[in-house]
């Protein structure tokens, strides 16, 4: 198995829509990933959709997809958008 790829989410997505998460995920395809949410100040629906699609893709490929260090702002954003605040805490390797 490849070495894990690591990414730290920015506090918020740029207003122009660009998010460094997308190129990171494209470059990390077919390898384990760990994404830190320690700096997140706001989660919007677009970023959450990217994370959920990636989570499913990595699960389909039976590769680890871990979101770590979810702070209170990140958890509150998940809840505001209809997910359990611990959604990404579950083991994502199967």
PDB file of N, CA and C in Angstrom:
ATOM      1  N   UNK A   1       0.842  -1.180   0.000  1.00  0.00           N
ATOM      2  CA  UNK A   1       0.000   0.000   0.000  1.00  0.00           C
ATOM      3  C   UNK A   1       0.886   1.241   0.000  1.00  0.00           C
ATOM      4  N   UNK A   2       0.449   2.273  -0.646  1.00  0.00           N
ATOM      5  CA  UNK A   2       1.194   3.533  -0.734  1.00  0.00           C
ATOM      6  C   UNK A   2       1.230   4.245   0.614  1.00  0.00           C
ATOM      7  N   UNK A   3       2.171   5.174   0.723  1.00  0.00           N
ATOM      8  CA  UNK A   3       2.218   6.028   1.906  1.00  0.00           C
ATOM      9  C   UNK A   3       0.980   6.916   1.926  1.00  0.00           C
ATOM     10  N   UNK A   4       0.484   7.238   3.119  1.00  0.00           N
ATOM     11  CA  UNK A   4      -0.692   8.112   3.195  1.00  0.00           C
ATOM     12  C   UNK A   4      -0.368   9.539   2.748  1.00  0.00           C
ATOM     13  N   UNK A   5      -1.326  10.164   2.126  1.00  0.00           N
ATOM     14  CA  UNK A   5      -1.228  11.574   1.740  1.00  0.00           C
ATOM     15  C   UNK A   5      -1.913  12.389   2.835  1.00  0.00           C
ATOM     16  N   UNK A   6      -1.353  13.540   3.182  1.00  0.00           N
ATOM     17  CA  UNK A   6      -1.879  14.361   4.272  1.00  0.00           C
ATOM     18  C   UNK A   6      -2.223  15.757   3.768  1.00  0.00           C
ATOM     19  N   UNK A   7      -3.363  16.272   4.246  1.00  0.00           N
ATOM     20  CA  UNK A   7      -3.821  17.611   3.847  1.00  0.00           C
ATOM     21  C   UNK A   7      -4.475  18.288   5.048  1.00  0.00           C
ATOM     22  N   UNK A   8      -4.247  19.576   5.196  1.00  0.00           N
ATOM     23  CA  UNK A   8      -4.911  20.371   6.229  1.00  0.00           C
ATOM     24  C   UNK A   8      -5.937  21.266   5.535  1.00  0.00           C
ATOM     25  N   UNK A   9      -7.198  21.111   5.915  1.00  0.00           N
ATOM     26  CA  UNK A   9      -8.243  21.961   5.339  1.00  0.00           C
ATOM     27  C   UNK A   9      -8.023  23.409   5.750  1.00  0.00           C
ATOM     28  N   UNK A  10      -8.257  24.310   4.814  1.00  0.00           N
ATOM     29  CA  UNK A  10      -8.158  25.739   5.098  1.00  0.00           C
ATOM     30  C   UNK A  10      -9.335  26.146   5.984  1.00  0.00           C
ATOM     31  N   UNK A  11      -9.228  27.279   6.692  1.00  0.00           N
ATOM     32  CA  UNK A  11     -10.317  27.704   7.579  1.00  0.00           C
ATOM     33  C   UNK A  11     -11.676  27.813   6.877  1.00  0.00           C
ATOM     34  N   UNK A  12     -11.679  28.263   5.631  1.00  0.00           N
ATOM     35  CA  UNK A  12     -12.918  28.362   4.849  1.00  0.00           C
ATOM     36  C   UNK A  12     -12.552  28.295   3.377  1.00  0.00           C
ATOM     37  N   UNK A  13     -13.529  27.923   2.572  1.00  0.00           N
ATOM     38  CA  UNK A  13     -13.303  27.865   1.131  1.00  0.00           C
ATOM     39  C   UNK A  13     -13.230  29.285   0.589  1.00  0.00           C
ATOM     40  N   UNK A  14     -12.358  29.514  -0.382  1.00  0.00           N
ATOM     41  CA  UNK A  14     -12.239  30.838  -1.007  1.00  0.00           C
ATOM     42  C   UNK A  14     -13.562  31.238  -1.642  1.00  0.00           C
ATOM     43  N   UNK A  15     -13.849  32.510  -1.617  1.00  0.00           N
ATOM     44  CA  UNK A  15     -15.106  33.003  -2.206  1.00  0.00           C
ATOM     45  C   UNK A  15     -15.188  32.755  -3.708  1.00  0.00           C
ATOM     46  N   UNK A  16     -14.042  32.623  -4.365  1.00  0.00           N
ATOM     47  CA  UNK A  16     -14.064  32.365  -5.806  1.00  0.00           C
ATOM     48  C   UNK A  16     -14.350  30.898  -6.107  1.00  0.00           C
ATOM     49  N   UNK A  17     -14.552  30.096  -5.059  1.00  0.00           N
ATOM     50  CA  UNK A  17     -14.916  28.701  -5.251  1.00  0.00           C
ATOM     51  C   UNK A  17     -13.756  27.740  -5.245  1.00  0.00           C
ATOM     52  N   UNK A  18     -12.542  28.251  -5.346  1.00  0.00           N
ATOM     53  CA  UNK A  18     -11.389  27.357  -5.363  1.00  0.00           C
ATOM     54  C   UNK A  18     -11.164  26.770  -3.975  1.00  0.00           C
ATOM     55  N   UNK A  19     -10.754  25.540  -3.947  1.00  0.00           N
ATOM     56  CA  UNK A  19     -10.461  24.866  -2.690  1.00  0.00           C
ATOM     57  C   UNK A  19      -9.281  23.946  -2.939  1.00  0.00           C
ATOM     58  N   UNK A  20      -8.240  24.074  -2.157  1.00  0.00           N
ATOM     59  CA  UNK A  20      -7.048  23.234  -2.323  1.00  0.00           C
ATOM     60  C   UNK A  20      -7.353  21.760  -2.090  1.00  0.00           C
ATOM     61  N   UNK A  21      -8.503  21.461  -1.529  1.00  0.00           N
ATOM     62  CA  UNK A  21      -8.891  20.074  -1.286  1.00  0.00           C
ATOM     63  C   UNK A  21      -9.027  19.289  -2.588  1.00  0.00           C
ATOM     64  N   UNK A  22      -9.576  19.905  -3.613  1.00  0.00           N
ATOM     65  CA  UNK A  22      -9.821  19.188  -4.874  1.00  0.00           C
ATOM     66  C   UNK A  22      -8.524  18.703  -5.519  1.00  0.00           C
ATOM     67  N   UNK A  23      -7.538  19.571  -5.763  1.00  0.00           N
ATOM     68  CA  UNK A  23      -6.299  19.050  -6.354  1.00  0.00           C
ATOM     69  C   UNK A  23      -5.589  18.044  -5.445  1.00  0.00           C
ATOM     70  N   UNK A  24      -5.702  18.242  -4.129  1.00  0.00           N
ATOM     71  CA  UNK A  24      -5.110  17.261  -3.215  1.00  0.00           C
ATOM     72  C   UNK A  24      -5.728  15.883  -3.442  1.00  0.00           C
ATOM     73  N   UNK A  25      -7.055  15.815  -3.468  1.00  0.00           N
ATOM     74  CA  UNK A  25      -7.730  14.524  -3.636  1.00  0.00           C
ATOM     75  C   UNK A  25      -7.418  13.901  -4.991  1.00  0.00           C
ATOM     76  N   UNK A  26      -7.362  14.707  -6.027  1.00  0.00           N
ATOM     77  CA  UNK A  26      -7.021  14.174  -7.352  1.00  0.00           C
ATOM     78  C   UNK A  26      -5.618  13.578  -7.354  1.00  0.00           C
ATOM     79  N   UNK A  27      -4.692  14.241  -6.692  1.00  0.00           N
ATOM     80  CA  UNK A  27      -3.322  13.744  -6.628  1.00  0.00           C
ATOM     81  C   UNK A  27      -3.140  12.558  -5.704  1.00  0.00           C
ATOM     82  N   UNK A  28      -4.080  12.365  -4.790  1.00  0.00           N
ATOM     83  CA  UNK A  28      -3.969  11.284  -3.804  1.00  0.00           C
ATOM     84  C   UNK A  28      -4.792  10.054  -4.180  1.00  0.00           C
ATOM     85  N   UNK A  29      -5.413  10.065  -5.358  1.00  0.00           N
ATOM     86  CA  UNK A  29      -6.238   8.923  -5.771  1.00  0.00           C
ATOM     87  C   UNK A  29      -5.454   7.631  -5.661  1.00  0.00           C
ATOM     88  N   UNK A  30      -6.139   6.583  -5.251  1.00  0.00           N
ATOM     89  CA  UNK A  30      -5.586   5.236  -5.136  1.00  0.00           C
ATOM     90  C   UNK A  30      -4.550   5.123  -4.024  1.00  0.00           C
ATOM     91  N   UNK A  31      -4.597   6.020  -3.045  1.00  0.00           N
ATOM     92  CA  UNK A  31      -3.683   5.970  -1.899  1.00  0.00           C
ATOM     93  C   UNK A  31      -4.457   6.375  -0.641  1.00  0.00           C
ATOM     94  N   UNK A  32      -4.001   5.933   0.516  1.00  0.00           N
ATOM     95  CA  UNK A  32      -4.651   6.353   1.761  1.00  0.00           C
ATOM     96  C   UNK A  32      -4.512   7.863   1.962  1.00  0.00           C
ATOM     97  N   UNK A  33      -5.541   8.472   2.557  1.00  0.00           N
ATOM     98  CA  UNK A  33      -5.475   9.901   2.848  1.00  0.00           C
ATOM     99  C   UNK A  33      -5.861  10.176   4.299  1.00  0.00           C
ATOM    100  N   UNK A  34      -5.251  11.225   4.828  1.00  0.00           N
ATOM    101  CA  UNK A  34      -5.624  11.776   6.128  1.00  0.00           C
ATOM    102  C   UNK A  34      -5.791  13.271   5.929  1.00  0.00           C
ATOM    103  N   UNK A  35      -6.940  13.778   6.354  1.00  0.00           N
ATOM    104  CA  UNK A  35      -7.258  15.191   6.204  1.00  0.00           C
ATOM    105  C   UNK A  35      -7.516  15.766   7.593  1.00  0.00           C
ATOM    106  N   UNK A  36      -6.812  16.829   7.931  1.00  0.00           N
ATOM    107  CA  UNK A  36      -6.998  17.484   9.225  1.00  0.00           C
ATOM    108  C   UNK A  36      -8.024  18.606   9.094  1.00  0.00           C
ATOM    109  N   UNK A  37      -8.969  18.630  10.030  1.00  0.00           N
ATOM    110  CA  UNK A  37      -9.966  19.700  10.070  1.00  0.00           C
ATOM    111  C   UNK A  37      -9.713  20.639  11.246  1.00  0.00           C
ATOM    112  N   UNK A  38      -8.488  20.663  11.734  1.00  0.00           N
ATOM    113  CA  UNK A  38      -8.161  21.443  12.935  1.00  0.00           C
ATOM    114  C   UNK A  38      -8.303  22.948  12.744  1.00  0.00           C
ATOM    115  N   UNK A  39      -8.105  23.441  11.527  1.00  0.00           N
ATOM    116  CA  UNK A  39      -8.147  24.886  11.271  1.00  0.00           C
ATOM    117  C   UNK A  39      -9.481  25.376  10.722  1.00  0.00           C
ATOM    118  N   UNK A  40     -10.434  24.481  10.512  1.00  0.00           N
ATOM    119  CA  UNK A  40     -11.691  24.850   9.858  1.00  0.00           C
ATOM    120  C   UNK A  40     -12.506  25.801  10.740  1.00  0.00           C
ATOM    121  N   UNK A  41     -12.893  26.926  10.156  1.00  0.00           N
ATOM    122  CA  UNK A  41     -13.741  27.896  10.848  1.00  0.00           C
ATOM    123  C   UNK A  41     -15.187  27.798  10.358  1.00  0.00           C
ATOM    124  N   UNK A  42     -15.357  27.290   9.117  1.00  0.00           N
ATOM    125  CA  UNK A  42     -16.696  27.214   8.519  1.00  0.00           C
ATOM    126  C   UNK A  42     -16.722  26.096   7.491  1.00  0.00           C
ATOM    127  N   UNK A  43     -17.763  25.275   7.564  1.00  0.00           N
ATOM    128  CA  UNK A  43     -17.967  24.217   6.569  1.00  0.00           C
ATOM    129  C   UNK A  43     -19.162  24.622   5.724  1.00  0.00           C
ATOM    130  N   UNK A  44     -18.974  24.676   4.411  1.00  0.00           N
ATOM    131  CA  UNK A  44     -20.114  24.957   3.544  1.00  0.00           C
ATOM    132  C   UNK A  44     -20.527  23.677   2.824  1.00  0.00           C
ATOM    133  N   UNK A  45     -21.683  23.716   2.191  1.00  0.00           N
ATOM    134  CA  UNK A  45     -22.235  22.527   1.542  1.00  0.00           C
ATOM    135  C   UNK A  45     -21.330  22.016   0.428  1.00  0.00           C
ATOM    136  N   UNK A  46     -20.687  22.916  -0.292  1.00  0.00           N
ATOM    137  CA  UNK A  46     -19.818  22.504  -1.399  1.00  0.00           C
ATOM    138  C   UNK A  46     -18.638  21.681  -0.884  1.00  0.00           C
ATOM    139  N   UNK A  47     -17.968  22.174   0.129  1.00  0.00           N
ATOM    140  CA  UNK A  47     -16.817  21.448   0.685  1.00  0.00           C
ATOM    141  C   UNK A  47     -17.273  20.121   1.293  1.00  0.00           C
ATOM    142  N   UNK A  48     -18.400  20.136   1.979  1.00  0.00           N
ATOM    143  CA  UNK A  48     -18.901  18.897   2.571  1.00  0.00           C
ATOM    144  C   UNK A  48     -19.216  17.875   1.486  1.00  0.00           C
ATOM    145  N   UNK A  49     -19.803  18.315   0.387  1.00  0.00           N
ATOM    146  CA  UNK A  49     -20.103  17.402  -0.710  1.00  0.00           C
ATOM    147  C   UNK A  49     -18.822  16.779  -1.261  1.00  0.00           C
ATOM    148  N   UNK A  50     -17.774  17.558  -1.406  1.00  0.00           N
ATOM    149  CA  UNK A  50     -16.484  17.030  -1.877  1.00  0.00           C
ATOM    150  C   UNK A  50     -15.978  15.959  -0.917  1.00  0.00           C
ATOM    151  N   UNK A  51     -16.042  16.242   0.379  1.00  0.00           N
ATOM    152  CA  UNK A  51     -15.567  15.275   1.376  1.00  0.00           C
ATOM    153  C   UNK A  51     -16.392  13.986   1.356  1.00  0.00           C
ATOM    154  N   UNK A  52     -17.707  14.114   1.225  1.00  0.00           N
ATOM    155  CA  UNK A  52     -18.565  12.923   1.219  1.00  0.00           C
ATOM    156  C   UNK A  52     -18.338  12.060  -0.022  1.00  0.00           C
ATOM    157  N   UNK A  53     -18.183  12.695  -1.175  1.00  0.00           N
ATOM    158  CA  UNK A  53     -17.914  11.945  -2.405  1.00  0.00           C
ATOM    159  C   UNK A  53     -16.561  11.242  -2.299  1.00  0.00           C
ATOM    160  N   UNK A  54     -15.562  11.949  -1.799  1.00  0.00           N
ATOM    161  CA  UNK A  54     -14.235  11.341  -1.633  1.00  0.00           C
ATOM    162  C   UNK A  54     -14.296  10.184  -0.643  1.00  0.00           C
ATOM    163  N   UNK A  55     -15.008  10.369   0.447  1.00  0.00           N
ATOM    164  CA  UNK A  55     -15.147   9.305   1.445  1.00  0.00           C
ATOM    165  C   UNK A  55     -15.722   8.036   0.803  1.00  0.00           C
ATOM    166  N   UNK A  56     -16.745   8.189  -0.016  1.00  0.00           N
ATOM    167  CA  UNK A  56     -17.347   7.028  -0.694  1.00  0.00           C
ATOM    168  C   UNK A  56     -16.387   6.402  -1.697  1.00  0.00           C
ATOM    169  N   UNK A  57     -15.673   7.235  -2.440  1.00  0.00           N
ATOM    170  CA  UNK A  57     -14.734   6.714  -3.439  1.00  0.00           C
ATOM    171  C   UNK A  57     -13.629   5.913  -2.768  1.00  0.00           C
ATOM    172  N   UNK A  58     -13.076   6.440  -1.697  1.00  0.00           N
ATOM    173  CA  UNK A  58     -12.003   5.722  -0.999  1.00  0.00           C
ATOM    174  C   UNK A  58     -12.548   4.424  -0.384  1.00  0.00           C
ATOM    175  N   UNK A  59     -13.763   4.446   0.141  1.00  0.00           N
ATOM    176  CA  UNK A  59     -14.365   3.225   0.696  1.00  0.00           C
ATOM    177  C   UNK A  59     -14.562   2.186  -0.404  1.00  0.00           C
ATOM    178  N   UNK A  60     -14.995   2.634  -1.571  1.00  0.00           N
ATOM    179  CA  UNK A  60     -15.188   1.735  -2.706  1.00  0.00           C
ATOM    180  C   UNK A  60     -13.876   1.050  -3.078  1.00  0.00           C
ATOM    181  N   UNK A  61     -12.779   1.781  -2.956  1.00  0.00           N
ATOM    182  CA  UNK A  61     -11.462   1.230  -3.284  1.00  0.00           C
ATOM    183  C   UNK A  61     -10.806   0.539  -2.083  1.00  0.00           C
ATOM    184  N   UNK A  62     -11.547   0.491  -0.957  1.00  0.00           N
ATOM    185  CA  UNK A  62     -11.055  -0.136   0.279  1.00  0.00           C
ATOM    186  C   UNK A  62      -9.727   0.467   0.743  1.00  0.00           C
ATOM    187  N   UNK A  63      -9.664   1.792   0.659  1.00  0.00           N
ATOM    188  CA  UNK A  63      -8.483   2.537   1.097  1.00  0.00           C
ATOM    189  C   UNK A  63      -8.850   3.413   2.293  1.00  0.00           C
ATOM    190  N   UNK A  64      -7.918   3.615   3.213  1.00  0.00           N
ATOM    191  CA  UNK A  64      -8.204   4.482   4.356  1.00  0.00           C
ATOM    192  C   UNK A  64      -8.473   5.925   3.931  1.00  0.00           C
ATOM    193  N   UNK A  65      -9.544   6.468   4.473  1.00  0.00           N
ATOM    194  CA  UNK A  65      -9.896   7.878   4.304  1.00  0.00           C
ATOM    195  C   UNK A  65     -10.204   8.385   5.703  1.00  0.00           C
ATOM    196  N   UNK A  66      -9.299   9.172   6.244  1.00  0.00           N
ATOM    197  CA  UNK A  66      -9.468   9.629   7.623  1.00  0.00           C
ATOM    198  C   UNK A  66      -9.533  11.149   7.666  1.00  0.00           C
ATOM    199  N   UNK A  67     -10.524  11.631   8.400  1.00  0.00           N
ATOM    200  CA  UNK A  67     -10.609  13.047   8.684  1.00  0.00           C
ATOM    201  C   UNK A  67     -10.332  13.180  10.177  1.00  0.00           C
ATOM    202  N   UNK A  68      -9.278  13.897  10.529  1.00  0.00           N
ATOM    203  CA  UNK A  68      -8.833  13.961  11.918  1.00  0.00           C
ATOM    204  C   UNK A  68      -8.929  15.378  12.471  1.00  0.00           C
ATOM    205  N   UNK A  69      -8.798  15.477  13.759  1.00  0.00           N
ATOM    206  CA  UNK A  69      -8.727  16.764  14.457  1.00  0.00           C
ATOM    207  C   UNK A  69      -9.916  17.668  14.139  1.00  0.00           C
ATOM    208  N   UNK A  70     -11.104  17.072  14.054  1.00  0.00           N
ATOM    209  CA  UNK A  70     -12.302  17.862  13.773  1.00  0.00           C
ATOM    210  C   UNK A  70     -12.592  18.775  14.965  1.00  0.00           C
ATOM    211  N   UNK A  71     -12.523  20.070  14.739  1.00  0.00           N
ATOM    212  CA  UNK A  71     -12.765  21.020  15.827  1.00  0.00           C
ATOM    213  C   UNK A  71     -14.264  21.283  15.983  1.00  0.00           C
ATOM    214  N   UNK A  72     -14.616  22.097  16.966  1.00  0.00           N
ATOM    215  CA  UNK A  72     -16.026  22.376  17.241  1.00  0.00           C
ATOM    216  C   UNK A  72     -16.721  23.053  16.065  1.00  0.00           C
ATOM    217  N   UNK A  73     -16.027  23.942  15.356  1.00  0.00           N
ATOM    218  CA  UNK A  73     -16.625  24.620  14.199  1.00  0.00           C
ATOM    219  C   UNK A  73     -16.951  23.628  13.093  1.00  0.00           C
ATOM    220  N   UNK A  74     -16.044  22.690  12.858  1.00  0.00           N
ATOM    221  CA  UNK A  74     -16.277  21.678  11.828  1.00  0.00           C
ATOM    222  C   UNK A  74     -17.471  20.810  12.210  1.00  0.00           C
ATOM    223  N   UNK A  75     -17.500  20.347  13.456  1.00  0.00           N
ATOM    224  CA  UNK A  75     -18.603  19.487  13.918  1.00  0.00           C
ATOM    225  C   UNK A  75     -19.946  20.225  13.870  1.00  0.00           C
ATOM    226  N   UNK A  76     -19.946  21.491  14.257  1.00  0.00           N
ATOM    227  CA  UNK A  76     -21.180  22.280  14.202  1.00  0.00           C
ATOM    228  C   UNK A  76     -21.647  22.446  12.757  1.00  0.00           C
ATOM    229  N   UNK A  77     -20.707  22.617  11.837  1.00  0.00           N
ATOM    230  CA  UNK A  77     -21.056  22.727  10.423  1.00  0.00           C
ATOM    231  C   UNK A  77     -21.668  21.451   9.883  1.00  0.00           C
ATOM    232  N   UNK A  78     -21.117  20.309  10.286  1.00  0.00           N
ATOM    233  CA  UNK A  78     -21.702  19.033   9.863  1.00  0.00           C
ATOM    234  C   UNK A  78     -23.143  18.931  10.334  1.00  0.00           C
ATOM    235  N   UNK A  79     -23.350  19.278  11.597  1.00  0.00           N
ATOM    236  CA  UNK A  79     -24.694  19.189  12.166  1.00  0.00           C
ATOM    237  C   UNK A  79     -25.646  20.160  11.472  1.00  0.00           C
ATOM    238  N   UNK A  80     -25.181  21.370  11.207  1.00  0.00           N
ATOM    239  CA  UNK A  80     -26.003  22.377  10.527  1.00  0.00           C
ATOM    240  C   UNK A  80     -26.417  21.902   9.133  1.00  0.00           C
ATOM    241  N   UNK A  81     -25.540  21.105   8.502  1.00  0.00           N
ATOM    242  CA  UNK A  81     -25.814  20.622   7.147  1.00  0.00           C
ATOM    243  C   UNK A  81     -26.475  19.244   7.134  1.00  0.00           C
ATOM    244  N   UNK A  82     -26.887  18.750   8.310  1.00  0.00           N
ATOM    245  CA  UNK A  82     -27.703  17.542   8.361  1.00  0.00           C
ATOM    246  C   UNK A  82     -26.990  16.243   8.671  1.00  0.00           C
ATOM    247  N   UNK A  83     -25.714  16.300   9.016  1.00  0.00           N
ATOM    248  CA  UNK A  83     -24.980  15.080   9.369  1.00  0.00           C
ATOM    249  C   UNK A  83     -24.728  15.044  10.865  1.00  0.00           C
ATOM    250  N   UNK A  84     -24.463  13.853  11.357  1.00  0.00           N
ATOM    251  CA  UNK A  84     -24.059  13.723  12.753  1.00  0.00           C
ATOM    252  C   UNK A  84     -22.700  14.390  12.926  1.00  0.00           C
ATOM    253  N   UNK A  85     -22.473  15.070  14.043  1.00  0.00           N
ATOM    254  CA  UNK A  85     -21.189  15.740  14.239  1.00  0.00           C
ATOM    255  C   UNK A  85     -20.001  14.785  14.246  1.00  0.00           C
ATOM    256  N   UNK A  86     -20.268  13.513  14.494  1.00  0.00           N
ATOM    257  CA  UNK A  86     -19.185  12.515  14.512  1.00  0.00           C
ATOM    258  C   UNK A  86     -19.130  11.683  13.229  1.00  0.00           C
ATOM    259  N   UNK A  87     -19.755  12.166  12.170  1.00  0.00           N
ATOM    260  CA  UNK A  87     -19.831  11.396  10.918  1.00  0.00           C
ATOM    261  C   UNK A  87     -18.468  10.882  10.458  1.00  0.00           C
ATOM    262  N   UNK A  88     -17.459  11.710  10.500  1.00  0.00           N
ATOM    263  CA  UNK A  88     -16.142  11.319   9.998  1.00  0.00           C
ATOM    264  C   UNK A  88     -15.284  10.625  11.054  1.00  0.00           C
ATOM    265  N   UNK A  89     -15.833  10.444  12.257  1.00  0.00           N
ATOM    266  CA  UNK A  89     -15.083   9.756  13.314  1.00  0.00           C
ATOM    267  C   UNK A  89     -15.087   8.248  13.128  1.00  0.00           C
ATOM    268  N   UNK A  90     -16.032   7.750  12.364  1.00  0.00           N
ATOM    269  CA  UNK A  90     -16.146   6.306  12.165  1.00  0.00           C
ATOM    270  C   UNK A  90     -14.985   5.798  11.322  1.00  0.00           C
ATOM    271  N   UNK A  91     -14.611   4.553  11.542  1.00  0.00           N
ATOM    272  CA  UNK A  91     -13.509   3.943  10.784  1.00  0.00           C
ATOM    273  C   UNK A  91     -13.873   3.928   9.308  1.00  0.00           C
ATOM    274  N   UNK A  92     -13.012   4.463   8.480  1.00  0.00           N
ATOM    275  CA  UNK A  92     -13.280   4.575   7.045  1.00  0.00           C
ATOM    276  C   UNK A  92     -12.424   3.627   6.212  1.00  0.00           C
ATOM    277  N   UNK A  93     -11.964   2.534   6.808  1.00  0.00           N
ATOM    278  CA  UNK A  93     -11.084   1.635   6.062  1.00  0.00           C
ATOM    279  C   UNK A  93     -11.824   0.468   5.446  1.00  0.00           C
ATOM    280  N   UNK A  94     -13.097   0.313   5.738  1.00  0.00           N
ATOM    281  CA  UNK A  94     -13.816  -0.832   5.160  1.00  0.00           C
ATOM    282  C   UNK A  94     -14.901  -0.381   4.215  1.00  0.00           C
TER     283      UNK A  94
END
